[in-house]
């Protein structure tokens, strides 16, 4: 899918404005309930102006998801070697998400919609979850090899459980933020599988 970025500062700023508007619109109406015209309106440009940067609705969605991944990669420091430090970054990401509910809502809404194989983001989420589970597994495997994982804890099961718990808690937290301690619950789970608390 073609998107335009001429490399000029004004063009980069305009592109970011469009992505920010798209995040807001998708968070409120979901992907299917949104339109490029509404995104353009929120970004303060014409529909034709938006199409210059993102010629299709699918191209805009792809850019939104890519930006989220790039932002998370910086926050998670994905180049860190697997182990306890990666687990600490997960908790830091959860803390960031609690302070930015719009991002969590967008992600949760799109993830639910993308279960359908014909959804434009379906393949993205298949890859996203595969990579996330692999990253989690590598950290738990390394911890097991170092004797830092509790006896009997399977690294693959721990990874799948953590990823499932994280996404499920996000939905419950969005529904009742005053009743669900997202960060505390994730930290509790990690401490329950580690020999020493995180």
N, C-alpha and C. Protein backbone atom coordinates (compact mmCIF):
# COMPACT_ATOMS: atom_id res chain seq x y z
N UNK A 1 0.84 -1.18 0.00
CA UNK A 1 0.00 0.00 0.00
C UNK A 1 0.88 1.24 0.00
N UNK A 2 0.59 2.18 -0.86
CA UNK A 2 1.41 3.38 -1.00
C UNK A 2 0.96 4.45 -0.02
N UNK A 3 1.89 4.99 0.70
CA UNK A 3 1.64 6.21 1.48
C UNK A 3 2.70 7.22 1.10
N UNK A 4 2.41 8.47 1.28
CA UNK A 4 3.31 9.53 0.83
C UNK A 4 4.01 10.17 2.02
N UNK A 5 5.30 10.32 1.91
CA UNK A 5 6.08 11.10 2.86
C UNK A 5 7.25 11.66 2.07
N UNK A 6 7.14 12.90 1.67
CA UNK A 6 8.15 13.51 0.82
C UNK A 6 9.43 13.84 1.58
N UNK A 7 9.43 13.67 2.90
CA UNK A 7 10.62 13.99 3.67
C UNK A 7 10.66 15.43 4.14
N UNK A 8 9.73 16.25 3.69
CA UNK A 8 9.68 17.64 4.13
C UNK A 8 9.07 17.70 5.53
N UNK A 9 9.58 18.59 6.38
CA UNK A 9 9.02 18.69 7.74
C UNK A 9 7.52 18.92 7.76
N UNK A 10 7.03 19.80 6.89
CA UNK A 10 5.59 20.09 6.86
C UNK A 10 4.79 18.82 6.52
N UNK A 11 5.30 18.04 5.57
CA UNK A 11 4.63 16.80 5.19
C UNK A 11 4.63 15.78 6.31
N UNK A 12 5.75 15.69 7.03
CA UNK A 12 5.83 14.74 8.15
C UNK A 12 4.88 15.15 9.27
N UNK A 13 4.80 16.47 9.53
CA UNK A 13 3.89 16.96 10.57
C UNK A 13 2.44 16.68 10.16
N UNK A 14 2.11 16.94 8.92
CA UNK A 14 0.74 16.70 8.44
C UNK A 14 0.38 15.22 8.55
N UNK A 15 1.34 14.36 8.20
CA UNK A 15 1.11 12.92 8.29
C UNK A 15 0.85 12.51 9.74
N UNK A 16 1.62 13.05 10.66
CA UNK A 16 1.42 12.74 12.08
C UNK A 16 0.08 13.25 12.58
N UNK A 17 -0.33 14.43 12.09
CA UNK A 17 -1.65 14.96 12.47
C UNK A 17 -2.76 14.02 12.01
N UNK A 18 -2.61 13.48 10.81
CA UNK A 18 -3.61 12.55 10.28
C UNK A 18 -3.65 11.27 11.12
N UNK A 19 -2.48 10.75 11.46
CA UNK A 19 -2.42 9.52 12.26
C UNK A 19 -3.03 9.76 13.64
N UNK A 20 -2.76 10.89 14.24
CA UNK A 20 -3.34 11.22 15.55
C UNK A 20 -4.86 11.30 15.46
N UNK A 21 -5.36 11.91 14.41
CA UNK A 21 -6.81 11.99 14.21
C UNK A 21 -7.40 10.60 13.99
N UNK A 22 -6.70 9.77 13.23
CA UNK A 22 -7.19 8.42 12.95
C UNK A 22 -7.28 7.60 14.24
N UNK A 23 -6.28 7.73 15.11
CA UNK A 23 -6.31 7.03 16.40
C UNK A 23 -7.56 7.42 17.18
N UNK A 24 -7.86 8.71 17.21
CA UNK A 24 -9.05 9.18 17.94
C UNK A 24 -10.33 8.63 17.32
N UNK A 25 -10.44 8.69 16.01
CA UNK A 25 -11.66 8.22 15.33
C UNK A 25 -11.82 6.72 15.47
N UNK A 26 -10.74 5.96 15.26
CA UNK A 26 -10.82 4.50 15.41
C UNK A 26 -11.17 4.12 16.85
N UNK A 27 -10.62 4.87 17.80
CA UNK A 27 -10.90 4.59 19.21
C UNK A 27 -12.37 4.80 19.54
N UNK A 28 -13.01 5.74 18.89
CA UNK A 28 -14.43 6.02 19.16
C UNK A 28 -15.37 5.13 18.36
N UNK A 29 -15.06 4.92 17.09
CA UNK A 29 -16.01 4.24 16.21
C UNK A 29 -15.52 2.90 15.68
N UNK A 30 -14.29 2.52 15.99
CA UNK A 30 -13.74 1.30 15.41
C UNK A 30 -13.35 1.55 13.96
N UNK A 31 -12.72 0.56 13.36
CA UNK A 31 -12.27 0.71 11.98
C UNK A 31 -13.46 0.77 11.03
N UNK A 32 -14.37 -0.19 11.16
CA UNK A 32 -15.49 -0.26 10.23
C UNK A 32 -16.46 0.91 10.40
N UNK A 33 -16.55 1.45 11.61
CA UNK A 33 -17.47 2.54 11.85
C UNK A 33 -16.88 3.91 11.53
N UNK A 34 -15.66 3.94 11.06
CA UNK A 34 -15.00 5.21 10.79
C UNK A 34 -14.95 5.47 9.29
N UNK A 35 -14.62 6.72 8.94
CA UNK A 35 -14.48 7.08 7.52
C UNK A 35 -13.27 7.99 7.35
N UNK A 36 -12.71 7.97 6.15
CA UNK A 36 -11.59 8.86 5.85
C UNK A 36 -12.03 10.32 5.94
N UNK A 37 -13.27 10.59 5.58
CA UNK A 37 -13.78 11.96 5.66
C UNK A 37 -13.77 12.46 7.11
N UNK A 38 -14.17 11.61 8.05
CA UNK A 38 -14.16 12.02 9.46
C UNK A 38 -12.74 12.23 9.95
N UNK A 39 -11.83 11.35 9.54
CA UNK A 39 -10.42 11.51 9.94
C UNK A 39 -9.88 12.83 9.38
N UNK A 40 -10.19 13.11 8.11
CA UNK A 40 -9.73 14.36 7.49
C UNK A 40 -10.27 15.57 8.25
N UNK A 41 -11.54 15.51 8.60
CA UNK A 41 -12.17 16.61 9.34
C UNK A 41 -11.46 16.84 10.66
N UNK A 42 -11.18 15.75 11.40
CA UNK A 42 -10.49 15.87 12.69
C UNK A 42 -9.07 16.42 12.53
N UNK A 43 -8.44 16.06 11.40
CA UNK A 43 -7.07 16.51 11.16
C UNK A 43 -7.02 17.93 10.62
N UNK A 44 -8.19 18.48 10.28
CA UNK A 44 -8.25 19.85 9.78
C UNK A 44 -7.81 20.00 8.35
N UNK A 45 -8.01 18.93 7.55
CA UNK A 45 -7.66 19.01 6.13
C UNK A 45 -8.84 18.49 5.30
N UNK A 46 -8.72 18.64 4.00
CA UNK A 46 -9.77 18.14 3.11
C UNK A 46 -9.62 16.64 2.92
N UNK A 47 -10.70 16.03 2.45
CA UNK A 47 -10.65 14.60 2.12
C UNK A 47 -9.58 14.33 1.07
N UNK A 48 -9.51 15.20 0.05
CA UNK A 48 -8.50 15.05 -1.00
C UNK A 48 -7.09 15.19 -0.41
N UNK A 49 -6.93 16.10 0.55
CA UNK A 49 -5.63 16.27 1.20
C UNK A 49 -5.20 15.01 1.94
N UNK A 50 -6.14 14.36 2.61
CA UNK A 50 -5.82 13.12 3.31
C UNK A 50 -5.41 12.03 2.31
N UNK A 51 -6.15 11.95 1.19
CA UNK A 51 -5.86 10.93 0.18
C UNK A 51 -4.48 11.10 -0.44
N UNK A 52 -3.95 12.30 -0.40
CA UNK A 52 -2.58 12.53 -0.89
C UNK A 52 -1.58 11.72 -0.06
N UNK A 53 -1.82 11.65 1.25
CA UNK A 53 -0.91 10.93 2.15
C UNK A 53 -1.28 9.46 2.29
N UNK A 54 -2.58 9.18 2.33
CA UNK A 54 -3.07 7.80 2.53
C UNK A 54 -4.18 7.54 1.51
N UNK A 55 -3.84 6.91 0.39
CA UNK A 55 -4.81 6.77 -0.70
C UNK A 55 -5.98 5.83 -0.41
N UNK A 56 -5.85 4.98 0.63
CA UNK A 56 -6.95 4.08 0.98
C UNK A 56 -7.11 4.02 2.49
N UNK A 57 -8.27 3.57 2.90
CA UNK A 57 -8.55 3.39 4.33
C UNK A 57 -7.61 2.34 4.92
N UNK A 58 -7.31 1.32 4.13
CA UNK A 58 -6.41 0.25 4.59
C UNK A 58 -4.99 0.78 4.81
N UNK A 59 -4.53 1.69 3.91
CA UNK A 59 -3.19 2.27 4.06
C UNK A 59 -3.09 3.08 5.34
N UNK A 60 -4.16 3.79 5.67
CA UNK A 60 -4.16 4.58 6.90
C UNK A 60 -4.14 3.67 8.13
N UNK A 61 -4.92 2.61 8.11
CA UNK A 61 -4.93 1.66 9.23
C UNK A 61 -3.54 1.06 9.42
N UNK A 62 -2.91 0.66 8.32
CA UNK A 62 -1.57 0.07 8.41
C UNK A 62 -0.59 1.05 9.04
N UNK A 63 -0.69 2.32 8.67
CA UNK A 63 0.21 3.33 9.22
C UNK A 63 -0.04 3.55 10.71
N UNK A 64 -1.31 3.53 11.12
CA UNK A 64 -1.64 3.67 12.54
C UNK A 64 -1.02 2.52 13.34
N UNK A 65 -1.17 1.30 12.85
CA UNK A 65 -0.63 0.14 13.55
C UNK A 65 0.90 0.16 13.57
N UNK A 66 1.50 0.58 12.46
CA UNK A 66 2.96 0.66 12.41
C UNK A 66 3.49 1.70 13.39
N UNK A 67 2.78 2.83 13.51
CA UNK A 67 3.21 3.86 14.46
C UNK A 67 3.12 3.33 15.89
N UNK A 68 2.04 2.61 16.19
CA UNK A 68 1.89 2.05 17.54
C UNK A 68 3.04 1.09 17.84
N UNK A 69 3.37 0.23 16.88
CA UNK A 69 4.48 -0.71 17.09
C UNK A 69 5.80 0.03 17.28
N UNK A 70 6.03 1.07 16.49
CA UNK A 70 7.28 1.83 16.62
C UNK A 70 7.36 2.51 17.99
N UNK A 71 6.24 3.07 18.44
CA UNK A 71 6.22 3.70 19.76
C UNK A 71 6.48 2.68 20.86
N UNK A 72 5.83 1.52 20.76
CA UNK A 72 6.02 0.48 21.76
C UNK A 72 7.44 -0.06 21.75
N UNK A 73 8.05 -0.16 20.56
CA UNK A 73 9.43 -0.66 20.46
C UNK A 73 10.38 0.24 21.23
N UNK A 74 10.14 1.54 21.16
CA UNK A 74 10.99 2.49 21.90
C UNK A 74 10.76 2.30 23.40
N UNK A 75 9.47 2.21 23.81
CA UNK A 75 9.16 2.07 25.24
C UNK A 75 9.64 0.72 25.79
N UNK A 76 9.50 -0.34 25.00
CA UNK A 76 9.86 -1.68 25.48
C UNK A 76 11.35 -1.99 25.33
N UNK A 77 12.07 -1.15 24.58
CA UNK A 77 13.47 -1.42 24.29
C UNK A 77 13.62 -2.86 23.80
N UNK A 78 13.03 -3.11 22.66
CA UNK A 78 12.94 -4.47 22.15
C UNK A 78 14.29 -5.11 21.85
N UNK A 79 15.35 -4.32 21.81
CA UNK A 79 16.67 -4.89 21.56
C UNK A 79 17.33 -5.42 22.83
N UNK A 80 16.68 -5.22 23.98
CA UNK A 80 17.23 -5.75 25.24
C UNK A 80 17.30 -7.28 25.15
N UNK A 81 18.32 -7.87 25.74
CA UNK A 81 18.36 -9.34 25.79
C UNK A 81 17.22 -9.87 26.65
N UNK A 82 16.69 -11.05 26.32
CA UNK A 82 15.58 -11.62 27.10
C UNK A 82 15.95 -11.80 28.57
N UNK A 83 14.98 -11.61 29.44
CA UNK A 83 15.20 -11.79 30.88
C UNK A 83 14.39 -10.82 31.70
N UNK A 84 14.83 -10.58 32.92
CA UNK A 84 14.08 -9.74 33.88
C UNK A 84 13.88 -8.32 33.38
N UNK A 85 14.86 -7.78 32.66
CA UNK A 85 14.74 -6.40 32.20
C UNK A 85 13.58 -6.25 31.22
N UNK A 86 13.37 -7.25 30.38
CA UNK A 86 12.23 -7.23 29.46
C UNK A 86 10.92 -7.24 30.25
N UNK A 87 10.85 -8.03 31.32
CA UNK A 87 9.64 -8.06 32.15
C UNK A 87 9.39 -6.69 32.77
N UNK A 88 10.45 -6.03 33.19
CA UNK A 88 10.29 -4.67 33.74
C UNK A 88 9.75 -3.70 32.69
N UNK A 89 10.20 -3.87 31.46
CA UNK A 89 9.70 -3.01 30.38
C UNK A 89 8.21 -3.26 30.12
N UNK A 90 7.78 -4.51 30.26
CA UNK A 90 6.35 -4.81 30.09
C UNK A 90 5.52 -4.06 31.12
N UNK A 91 6.01 -4.06 32.36
CA UNK A 91 5.28 -3.34 33.42
C UNK A 91 5.29 -1.83 33.12
N UNK A 92 6.42 -1.32 32.64
CA UNK A 92 6.50 0.10 32.29
C UNK A 92 5.52 0.43 31.16
N UNK A 93 5.38 -0.48 30.19
CA UNK A 93 4.42 -0.26 29.11
C UNK A 93 2.99 -0.25 29.64
N UNK A 94 2.69 -1.15 30.56
CA UNK A 94 1.35 -1.19 31.17
C UNK A 94 1.08 0.13 31.91
N UNK A 95 2.09 0.66 32.61
CA UNK A 95 1.93 1.94 33.31
C UNK A 95 1.68 3.07 32.31
N UNK A 96 2.39 3.03 31.19
CA UNK A 96 2.17 4.03 30.14
C UNK A 96 0.75 3.91 29.60
N UNK A 97 0.29 2.69 29.35
CA UNK A 97 -1.04 2.49 28.80
C UNK A 97 -2.14 3.00 29.73
N UNK A 98 -1.94 2.80 31.03
CA UNK A 98 -2.93 3.29 32.00
C UNK A 98 -3.05 4.81 31.92
N UNK A 99 -1.94 5.47 31.64
CA UNK A 99 -1.96 6.92 31.51
C UNK A 99 -2.46 7.39 30.15
N UNK A 100 -2.64 6.45 29.21
CA UNK A 100 -3.07 6.79 27.85
C UNK A 100 -4.19 5.85 27.40
N UNK A 101 -5.36 5.95 28.01
CA UNK A 101 -6.44 5.00 27.72
C UNK A 101 -6.90 4.99 26.26
N UNK A 102 -6.76 6.08 25.55
CA UNK A 102 -7.21 6.12 24.15
C UNK A 102 -6.44 5.09 23.31
N UNK A 103 -5.15 4.94 23.59
CA UNK A 103 -4.34 3.96 22.85
C UNK A 103 -4.81 2.55 23.15
N UNK A 104 -5.09 2.29 24.44
CA UNK A 104 -5.55 0.96 24.84
C UNK A 104 -6.91 0.65 24.21
N UNK A 105 -7.79 1.65 24.20
CA UNK A 105 -9.11 1.44 23.62
C UNK A 105 -9.02 1.16 22.13
N UNK A 106 -8.18 1.91 21.42
CA UNK A 106 -8.00 1.67 19.99
C UNK A 106 -7.49 0.26 19.75
N UNK A 107 -6.44 -0.12 20.46
CA UNK A 107 -5.86 -1.45 20.29
C UNK A 107 -6.89 -2.54 20.58
N UNK A 108 -7.61 -2.42 21.69
CA UNK A 108 -8.58 -3.44 22.08
C UNK A 108 -9.72 -3.55 21.07
N UNK A 109 -10.19 -2.41 20.59
CA UNK A 109 -11.28 -2.41 19.61
C UNK A 109 -10.83 -3.05 18.30
N UNK A 110 -9.64 -2.65 17.81
CA UNK A 110 -9.15 -3.20 16.55
C UNK A 110 -8.84 -4.69 16.68
N UNK A 111 -8.26 -5.09 17.82
CA UNK A 111 -7.94 -6.51 18.02
C UNK A 111 -9.20 -7.36 17.96
N UNK A 112 -10.28 -6.87 18.57
CA UNK A 112 -11.55 -7.61 18.56
C UNK A 112 -12.12 -7.67 17.14
N UNK A 113 -12.11 -6.54 16.44
CA UNK A 113 -12.63 -6.52 15.07
C UNK A 113 -11.81 -7.42 14.15
N UNK A 114 -10.49 -7.44 14.36
CA UNK A 114 -9.58 -8.14 13.45
C UNK A 114 -9.59 -9.65 13.61
N UNK A 115 -10.40 -10.16 14.53
CA UNK A 115 -10.56 -11.62 14.64
C UNK A 115 -11.10 -12.16 13.31
N UNK A 116 -11.92 -11.39 12.63
CA UNK A 116 -12.49 -11.80 11.34
C UNK A 116 -11.36 -11.87 10.31
N UNK A 117 -11.23 -13.00 9.62
CA UNK A 117 -10.14 -13.16 8.64
C UNK A 117 -10.15 -12.14 7.51
N UNK A 118 -11.32 -11.56 7.20
CA UNK A 118 -11.37 -10.59 6.10
C UNK A 118 -11.12 -9.15 6.57
N UNK A 119 -10.84 -8.95 7.85
CA UNK A 119 -10.55 -7.61 8.35
C UNK A 119 -9.16 -7.19 7.86
N UNK A 120 -8.99 -5.93 7.43
CA UNK A 120 -7.68 -5.50 6.92
C UNK A 120 -6.53 -5.62 7.92
N UNK A 121 -6.84 -5.64 9.22
CA UNK A 121 -5.78 -5.75 10.22
C UNK A 121 -5.59 -7.18 10.72
N UNK A 122 -6.32 -8.14 10.16
CA UNK A 122 -6.24 -9.53 10.65
C UNK A 122 -4.80 -10.06 10.60
N UNK A 123 -4.16 -9.94 9.45
CA UNK A 123 -2.80 -10.48 9.31
C UNK A 123 -1.82 -9.76 10.24
N UNK A 124 -2.03 -8.46 10.42
CA UNK A 124 -1.19 -7.71 11.34
C UNK A 124 -1.27 -8.31 12.75
N UNK A 125 -2.49 -8.56 13.23
CA UNK A 125 -2.63 -9.06 14.60
C UNK A 125 -2.13 -10.50 14.72
N UNK A 126 -2.27 -11.30 13.68
CA UNK A 126 -1.70 -12.65 13.70
C UNK A 126 -0.19 -12.55 13.91
N UNK A 127 0.48 -11.69 13.14
CA UNK A 127 1.92 -11.49 13.28
C UNK A 127 2.27 -10.89 14.64
N UNK A 128 1.50 -9.88 15.03
CA UNK A 128 1.76 -9.17 16.29
C UNK A 128 1.74 -10.14 17.47
N UNK A 129 0.71 -10.97 17.55
CA UNK A 129 0.60 -11.91 18.67
C UNK A 129 1.69 -12.98 18.60
N UNK A 130 2.03 -13.40 17.40
CA UNK A 130 3.09 -14.42 17.27
C UNK A 130 4.42 -13.85 17.78
N UNK A 131 4.74 -12.62 17.39
CA UNK A 131 5.99 -11.98 17.82
C UNK A 131 5.97 -11.74 19.33
N UNK A 132 4.84 -11.27 19.86
CA UNK A 132 4.74 -11.00 21.29
C UNK A 132 4.92 -12.27 22.11
N UNK A 133 4.25 -13.35 21.69
CA UNK A 133 4.39 -14.63 22.42
C UNK A 133 5.82 -15.14 22.36
N UNK A 134 6.47 -15.00 21.20
CA UNK A 134 7.85 -15.46 21.05
C UNK A 134 8.78 -14.65 21.97
N UNK A 135 8.59 -13.35 22.01
CA UNK A 135 9.41 -12.49 22.88
C UNK A 135 9.22 -12.88 24.34
N UNK A 136 7.96 -13.07 24.74
CA UNK A 136 7.68 -13.45 26.13
C UNK A 136 8.29 -14.82 26.44
N UNK A 137 8.14 -15.75 25.51
CA UNK A 137 8.68 -17.09 25.72
C UNK A 137 10.19 -17.04 25.92
N UNK A 138 10.89 -16.26 25.08
CA UNK A 138 12.35 -16.18 25.20
C UNK A 138 12.77 -15.67 26.57
N UNK A 139 12.06 -14.67 27.09
CA UNK A 139 12.41 -14.14 28.42
C UNK A 139 12.17 -15.18 29.51
N UNK A 140 11.00 -15.84 29.45
CA UNK A 140 10.72 -16.86 30.47
C UNK A 140 11.67 -18.06 30.33
N UNK A 141 12.05 -18.40 29.12
CA UNK A 141 12.99 -19.52 28.91
C UNK A 141 14.34 -19.19 29.53
N UNK A 142 14.83 -17.99 29.27
CA UNK A 142 16.12 -17.57 29.83
C UNK A 142 16.06 -17.57 31.35
N UNK A 143 14.96 -17.08 31.91
CA UNK A 143 14.82 -17.06 33.36
C UNK A 143 14.79 -18.48 33.93
N UNK A 144 14.14 -19.40 33.21
CA UNK A 144 14.11 -20.80 33.66
C UNK A 144 15.52 -21.39 33.66
N UNK A 145 16.29 -21.09 32.63
CA UNK A 145 17.66 -21.61 32.54
C UNK A 145 18.54 -21.06 33.67
N UNK A 146 18.24 -19.86 34.11
CA UNK A 146 19.02 -19.24 35.20
C UNK A 146 18.51 -19.64 36.58
N UNK A 147 17.46 -20.43 36.62
CA UNK A 147 16.88 -20.83 37.90
C UNK A 147 16.06 -19.73 38.54
N UNK A 148 15.61 -18.75 37.74
CA UNK A 148 14.84 -17.62 38.26
C UNK A 148 13.34 -17.79 38.08
N UNK A 149 12.94 -18.88 37.42
CA UNK A 149 11.52 -19.18 37.25
C UNK A 149 11.16 -20.28 38.25
N UNK A 150 10.00 -20.18 38.86
CA UNK A 150 9.60 -21.17 39.86
C UNK A 150 9.57 -22.58 39.26
N UNK A 151 9.85 -23.54 40.10
CA UNK A 151 9.84 -24.95 39.69
C UNK A 151 8.48 -25.31 39.12
N UNK A 152 8.49 -25.99 37.97
CA UNK A 152 7.25 -26.46 37.37
C UNK A 152 6.57 -25.47 36.44
N UNK A 153 7.08 -24.24 36.35
CA UNK A 153 6.49 -23.25 35.45
C UNK A 153 7.04 -23.47 34.04
N UNK A 154 6.15 -23.73 33.10
CA UNK A 154 6.53 -23.94 31.71
C UNK A 154 6.66 -22.57 31.03
N UNK A 155 7.83 -22.24 30.48
CA UNK A 155 8.01 -20.92 29.86
C UNK A 155 6.99 -20.60 28.76
N UNK A 156 6.62 -21.60 27.97
CA UNK A 156 5.65 -21.37 26.89
C UNK A 156 4.27 -21.04 27.45
N UNK A 157 3.87 -21.75 28.49
CA UNK A 157 2.57 -21.50 29.12
C UNK A 157 2.60 -20.15 29.84
N UNK A 158 3.70 -19.85 30.50
CA UNK A 158 3.83 -18.56 31.20
C UNK A 158 3.71 -17.40 30.20
N UNK A 159 4.34 -17.55 29.03
CA UNK A 159 4.29 -16.50 28.01
C UNK A 159 2.87 -16.31 27.49
N UNK A 160 2.21 -17.41 27.15
CA UNK A 160 0.83 -17.32 26.64
C UNK A 160 -0.09 -16.74 27.70
N UNK A 161 0.08 -17.16 28.95
CA UNK A 161 -0.75 -16.66 30.04
C UNK A 161 -0.55 -15.17 30.23
N UNK A 162 0.70 -14.72 30.21
CA UNK A 162 0.96 -13.29 30.41
C UNK A 162 0.32 -12.47 29.30
N UNK A 163 0.51 -12.88 28.06
CA UNK A 163 -0.05 -12.11 26.93
C UNK A 163 -1.58 -12.09 27.00
N UNK A 164 -2.18 -13.22 27.32
CA UNK A 164 -3.65 -13.28 27.42
C UNK A 164 -4.15 -12.44 28.59
N UNK A 165 -3.45 -12.52 29.71
CA UNK A 165 -3.82 -11.74 30.89
C UNK A 165 -3.72 -10.24 30.59
N UNK A 166 -2.66 -9.85 29.91
CA UNK A 166 -2.46 -8.44 29.59
C UNK A 166 -3.62 -7.89 28.74
N UNK A 167 -3.96 -8.59 27.67
CA UNK A 167 -5.04 -8.11 26.79
C UNK A 167 -6.40 -8.18 27.49
N UNK A 168 -6.64 -9.25 28.22
CA UNK A 168 -7.92 -9.38 28.92
C UNK A 168 -8.10 -8.33 30.01
N UNK A 169 -7.03 -8.07 30.75
CA UNK A 169 -7.10 -7.04 31.79
C UNK A 169 -7.33 -5.65 31.20
N UNK A 170 -6.75 -5.42 30.02
CA UNK A 170 -6.95 -4.12 29.39
C UNK A 170 -8.43 -3.86 29.12
N UNK A 171 -9.13 -4.87 28.63
CA UNK A 171 -10.56 -4.71 28.35
C UNK A 171 -11.33 -4.49 29.64
N UNK A 172 -11.03 -5.28 30.68
CA UNK A 172 -11.72 -5.10 31.96
C UNK A 172 -11.40 -3.73 32.57
N UNK A 173 -10.15 -3.29 32.44
CA UNK A 173 -9.75 -1.99 32.96
C UNK A 173 -10.48 -0.86 32.22
N UNK A 174 -10.59 -0.98 30.90
CA UNK A 174 -11.32 0.03 30.14
C UNK A 174 -12.78 0.13 30.59
N UNK A 175 -13.37 -1.03 30.93
CA UNK A 175 -14.76 -1.08 31.35
C UNK A 175 -14.95 -0.46 32.74
N UNK A 176 -14.05 -0.80 33.69
CA UNK A 176 -14.16 -0.31 35.07
C UNK A 176 -12.77 0.06 35.60
N UNK A 177 -12.21 1.18 35.15
CA UNK A 177 -10.85 1.53 35.57
C UNK A 177 -10.68 1.72 37.07
N UNK A 178 -11.75 2.09 37.76
CA UNK A 178 -11.63 2.29 39.21
C UNK A 178 -11.65 0.98 39.99
N UNK A 179 -12.02 -0.11 39.33
CA UNK A 179 -12.09 -1.41 40.01
C UNK A 179 -11.00 -2.39 39.59
N UNK A 180 -10.31 -2.11 38.49
CA UNK A 180 -9.31 -3.05 37.97
C UNK A 180 -7.93 -2.39 38.01
N UNK A 181 -7.03 -2.99 38.78
CA UNK A 181 -5.65 -2.53 38.87
C UNK A 181 -4.84 -3.28 37.81
N UNK A 182 -4.81 -2.72 36.63
CA UNK A 182 -4.14 -3.37 35.51
C UNK A 182 -2.67 -3.65 35.80
N UNK A 183 -1.94 -2.65 36.22
CA UNK A 183 -0.51 -2.80 36.47
C UNK A 183 -0.27 -3.75 37.65
N UNK A 184 -1.04 -3.58 38.72
CA UNK A 184 -0.86 -4.43 39.90
C UNK A 184 -1.11 -5.89 39.60
N UNK A 185 -2.13 -6.18 38.80
CA UNK A 185 -2.45 -7.57 38.46
C UNK A 185 -1.36 -8.20 37.60
N UNK A 186 -0.82 -7.44 36.65
CA UNK A 186 0.26 -7.97 35.81
C UNK A 186 1.52 -8.20 36.64
N UNK A 187 1.83 -7.25 37.52
CA UNK A 187 3.00 -7.42 38.39
C UNK A 187 2.82 -8.65 39.30
N UNK A 188 1.61 -8.83 39.83
CA UNK A 188 1.33 -9.97 40.70
C UNK A 188 1.56 -11.29 39.95
N UNK A 189 1.10 -11.35 38.70
CA UNK A 189 1.30 -12.58 37.93
C UNK A 189 2.79 -12.86 37.75
N UNK A 190 3.55 -11.85 37.33
CA UNK A 190 4.98 -12.07 37.13
C UNK A 190 5.67 -12.49 38.42
N UNK A 191 5.31 -11.84 39.52
CA UNK A 191 5.91 -12.24 40.80
C UNK A 191 5.54 -13.66 41.19
N UNK A 192 4.36 -14.13 40.76
CA UNK A 192 3.92 -15.47 41.13
C UNK A 192 4.70 -16.57 40.38
N UNK A 193 5.31 -16.23 39.25
CA UNK A 193 6.05 -17.25 38.50
C UNK A 193 7.57 -17.10 38.67
N UNK A 194 7.99 -16.02 39.30
CA UNK A 194 9.42 -15.79 39.50
C UNK A 194 9.86 -16.24 40.89
N UNK A 195 11.09 -16.67 41.01
CA UNK A 195 11.63 -17.07 42.31
C UNK A 195 11.77 -15.83 43.20
N UNK A 196 12.27 -14.73 42.64
CA UNK A 196 12.40 -13.48 43.36
C UNK A 196 11.46 -12.45 42.73
N UNK A 197 10.76 -11.63 43.53
CA UNK A 197 9.86 -10.62 42.95
C UNK A 197 10.58 -9.72 41.97
N UNK A 198 9.81 -9.22 41.02
CA UNK A 198 10.36 -8.35 40.01
C UNK A 198 10.84 -7.04 40.63
